[in-house]
Amino acid sequence: IEYIYSVYYNKVEYARFTSSLGKFVGFTQYGLKQADYWNNNPSQLALRSTEKERYCLHNIGIWFSNI
């Protein structure tokens, strides 16, 4: 299971958090700056890292039981 949090502006993805990497990755010049800022903020990384357990792992049993 992988948790992905994407950030868009004007229909263009400029940054993404991936739980497999455990950090933000930027895709545009602005996104690179934002990703660097967020990666240096431990509370932001902790928040996104716990989303996998809070959202994904909680609901995976519900989704697979319906198959």
N, C-alpha and C. Protein backbone atom coordinates (compact mmCIF):
# COMPACT_ATOMS: atom_id res chain seq x y z
N ILE A 1 0.85 -1.17 0.00
CA ILE A 1 0.00 0.00 0.00
C ILE A 1 0.89 1.23 0.00
N GLU A 2 0.54 2.17 -0.85
CA GLU A 2 1.31 3.42 -0.94
C GLU A 2 0.35 4.60 -0.82
N TYR A 3 0.71 5.55 0.01
CA TYR A 3 -0.07 6.77 0.17
C TYR A 3 0.58 7.86 -0.66
N ILE A 4 -0.20 8.52 -1.51
CA ILE A 4 0.30 9.61 -2.35
C ILE A 4 -0.56 10.84 -2.10
N TYR A 5 0.10 11.95 -1.79
CA TYR A 5 -0.57 13.24 -1.59
C TYR A 5 -0.01 14.20 -2.64
N SER A 6 -0.84 14.57 -3.60
CA SER A 6 -0.41 15.45 -4.68
C SER A 6 -0.94 16.86 -4.47
N VAL A 7 -0.14 17.86 -4.87
CA VAL A 7 -0.53 19.26 -4.75
C VAL A 7 -0.59 19.85 -6.15
N TYR A 8 -1.74 20.42 -6.49
CA TYR A 8 -1.97 20.97 -7.82
C TYR A 8 -2.25 22.47 -7.75
N TYR A 9 -1.88 23.15 -8.81
CA TYR A 9 -2.29 24.54 -9.01
C TYR A 9 -2.57 24.72 -10.49
N ASN A 10 -3.75 25.18 -10.82
CA ASN A 10 -4.14 25.42 -12.21
C ASN A 10 -3.99 24.15 -13.05
N LYS A 11 -4.44 23.03 -12.49
CA LYS A 11 -4.44 21.72 -13.13
C LYS A 11 -3.05 21.17 -13.41
N VAL A 12 -2.02 21.70 -12.77
CA VAL A 12 -0.65 21.21 -12.93
C VAL A 12 -0.15 20.73 -11.58
N GLU A 13 0.30 19.49 -11.54
CA GLU A 13 0.86 18.95 -10.30
C GLU A 13 2.26 19.52 -10.11
N TYR A 14 2.48 20.17 -8.97
CA TYR A 14 3.80 20.75 -8.75
C TYR A 14 4.56 20.11 -7.61
N ALA A 15 3.91 19.31 -6.78
CA ALA A 15 4.61 18.60 -5.71
C ALA A 15 3.80 17.37 -5.31
N ARG A 16 4.51 16.38 -4.74
CA ARG A 16 3.86 15.14 -4.34
C ARG A 16 4.61 14.54 -3.15
N PHE A 17 3.83 14.03 -2.19
CA PHE A 17 4.39 13.23 -1.11
C PHE A 17 4.07 11.77 -1.39
N THR A 18 5.08 10.93 -1.32
CA THR A 18 4.90 9.51 -1.53
C THR A 18 5.38 8.78 -0.29
N SER A 19 4.54 7.89 0.24
CA SER A 19 4.91 7.20 1.47
C SER A 19 6.07 6.24 1.26
N SER A 20 6.28 5.76 0.04
CA SER A 20 7.41 4.86 -0.19
C SER A 20 8.74 5.60 -0.09
N LEU A 21 8.76 6.87 -0.48
CA LEU A 21 9.97 7.68 -0.33
C LEU A 21 10.04 8.34 1.05
N GLY A 22 8.89 8.69 1.59
CA GLY A 22 8.83 9.34 2.89
C GLY A 22 9.21 10.81 2.84
N LYS A 23 9.07 11.41 1.65
CA LYS A 23 9.38 12.83 1.50
C LYS A 23 8.62 13.41 0.32
N PHE A 24 8.65 14.74 0.22
CA PHE A 24 8.02 15.44 -0.89
C PHE A 24 8.98 15.52 -2.06
N VAL A 25 8.42 15.48 -3.27
CA VAL A 25 9.19 15.63 -4.50
C VAL A 25 8.53 16.74 -5.31
N GLY A 26 9.32 17.68 -5.81
CA GLY A 26 8.79 18.76 -6.63
C GLY A 26 8.95 18.49 -8.10
N PHE A 27 8.02 19.00 -8.91
CA PHE A 27 8.04 18.78 -10.35
C PHE A 27 8.25 20.07 -11.13
N THR A 28 7.98 21.22 -10.54
CA THR A 28 8.20 22.50 -11.18
C THR A 28 9.21 23.28 -10.34
N GLN A 29 9.60 24.45 -10.83
CA GLN A 29 10.55 25.25 -10.07
C GLN A 29 9.95 25.65 -8.72
N TYR A 30 8.71 26.08 -8.71
CA TYR A 30 8.03 26.42 -7.45
C TYR A 30 7.85 25.17 -6.59
N GLY A 31 7.51 24.05 -7.22
CA GLY A 31 7.32 22.81 -6.49
C GLY A 31 8.59 22.31 -5.82
N LEU A 32 9.73 22.52 -6.44
CA LEU A 32 11.01 22.14 -5.83
C LEU A 32 11.28 22.94 -4.57
N LYS A 33 10.95 24.24 -4.60
CA LYS A 33 11.14 25.08 -3.42
C LYS A 33 10.19 24.66 -2.30
N GLN A 34 8.94 24.41 -2.65
CA GLN A 34 7.96 23.99 -1.65
C GLN A 34 8.33 22.63 -1.07
N ALA A 35 8.75 21.71 -1.91
CA ALA A 35 9.13 20.38 -1.44
C ALA A 35 10.31 20.47 -0.48
N ASP A 36 11.27 21.31 -0.80
CA ASP A 36 12.42 21.49 0.09
C ASP A 36 11.97 22.07 1.43
N TYR A 37 11.07 23.03 1.41
CA TYR A 37 10.54 23.62 2.64
C TYR A 37 9.80 22.58 3.47
N TRP A 38 8.91 21.80 2.83
CA TRP A 38 8.14 20.79 3.54
C TRP A 38 9.03 19.66 4.06
N ASN A 39 10.06 19.28 3.30
CA ASN A 39 10.96 18.21 3.74
C ASN A 39 11.79 18.63 4.95
N ASN A 40 12.02 19.92 5.13
CA ASN A 40 12.76 20.41 6.29
C ASN A 40 11.86 20.70 7.49
N ASN A 41 10.58 20.42 7.36
CA ASN A 41 9.62 20.63 8.43
C ASN A 41 9.20 19.27 8.98
N PRO A 42 9.73 18.86 10.15
CA PRO A 42 9.43 17.52 10.67
C PRO A 42 7.95 17.28 10.95
N SER A 43 7.22 18.31 11.33
CA SER A 43 5.79 18.12 11.62
C SER A 43 5.02 17.81 10.34
N GLN A 44 5.39 18.43 9.23
CA GLN A 44 4.72 18.16 7.95
C GLN A 44 5.00 16.73 7.49
N LEU A 45 6.24 16.26 7.65
CA LEU A 45 6.57 14.89 7.27
C LEU A 45 5.87 13.88 8.17
N ALA A 46 5.80 14.18 9.46
CA ALA A 46 5.12 13.28 10.39
C ALA A 46 3.63 13.20 10.09
N LEU A 47 3.03 14.32 9.76
CA LEU A 47 1.61 14.36 9.41
C LEU A 47 1.33 13.47 8.20
N ARG A 48 2.10 13.64 7.15
CA ARG A 48 1.88 12.87 5.92
C ARG A 48 2.22 11.39 6.11
N SER A 49 3.21 11.09 6.92
CA SER A 49 3.59 9.70 7.15
C SER A 49 2.51 8.95 7.91
N THR A 50 1.84 9.60 8.84
CA THR A 50 0.79 8.94 9.61
C THR A 50 -0.51 8.79 8.83
N GLU A 51 -0.65 9.50 7.72
CA GLU A 51 -1.86 9.38 6.91
C GLU A 51 -2.01 7.98 6.33
N LYS A 52 -0.90 7.31 6.05
CA LYS A 52 -0.98 5.95 5.52
C LYS A 52 -1.66 5.03 6.53
N GLU A 53 -1.25 5.11 7.80
CA GLU A 53 -1.87 4.27 8.82
C GLU A 53 -3.31 4.71 9.11
N ARG A 54 -3.54 6.02 9.13
CA ARG A 54 -4.86 6.53 9.48
C ARG A 54 -5.89 6.25 8.41
N TYR A 55 -5.55 6.44 7.16
CA TYR A 55 -6.53 6.33 6.09
C TYR A 55 -6.42 5.00 5.34
N CYS A 56 -5.25 4.67 4.86
CA CYS A 56 -5.10 3.50 3.99
C CYS A 56 -5.28 2.18 4.74
N LEU A 57 -4.50 1.99 5.80
CA LEU A 57 -4.55 0.72 6.50
C LEU A 57 -5.88 0.50 7.21
N HIS A 58 -6.54 1.57 7.61
CA HIS A 58 -7.85 1.45 8.25
C HIS A 58 -8.90 0.95 7.26
N ASN A 59 -8.85 1.44 6.04
CA ASN A 59 -9.89 1.12 5.06
C ASN A 59 -9.58 -0.08 4.18
N ILE A 60 -8.37 -0.60 4.21
CA ILE A 60 -8.03 -1.70 3.31
C ILE A 60 -8.86 -2.95 3.62
N GLY A 61 -9.15 -3.21 4.89
CA GLY A 61 -9.99 -4.36 5.24
C GLY A 61 -11.40 -4.22 4.71
N ILE A 62 -11.91 -3.02 4.70
CA ILE A 62 -13.26 -2.76 4.19
C ILE A 62 -13.30 -2.98 2.68
N TRP A 63 -12.28 -2.47 1.98
CA TRP A 63 -12.26 -2.59 0.52
C TRP A 63 -12.12 -4.05 0.08
N PHE A 64 -11.21 -4.80 0.73
CA PHE A 64 -10.99 -6.18 0.32
C PHE A 64 -12.11 -7.10 0.74
N SER A 65 -12.84 -6.77 1.76
CA SER A 65 -13.97 -7.62 2.16
C SER A 65 -15.12 -7.51 1.15
N ASN A 66 -15.16 -6.45 0.38
CA ASN A 66 -16.24 -6.27 -0.59
C ASN A 66 -15.95 -6.96 -1.93
N ILE A 67 -14.73 -7.42 -2.10
CA ILE A 67 -14.37 -8.04 -3.39
C ILE A 67 -14.87 -9.47 -3.44
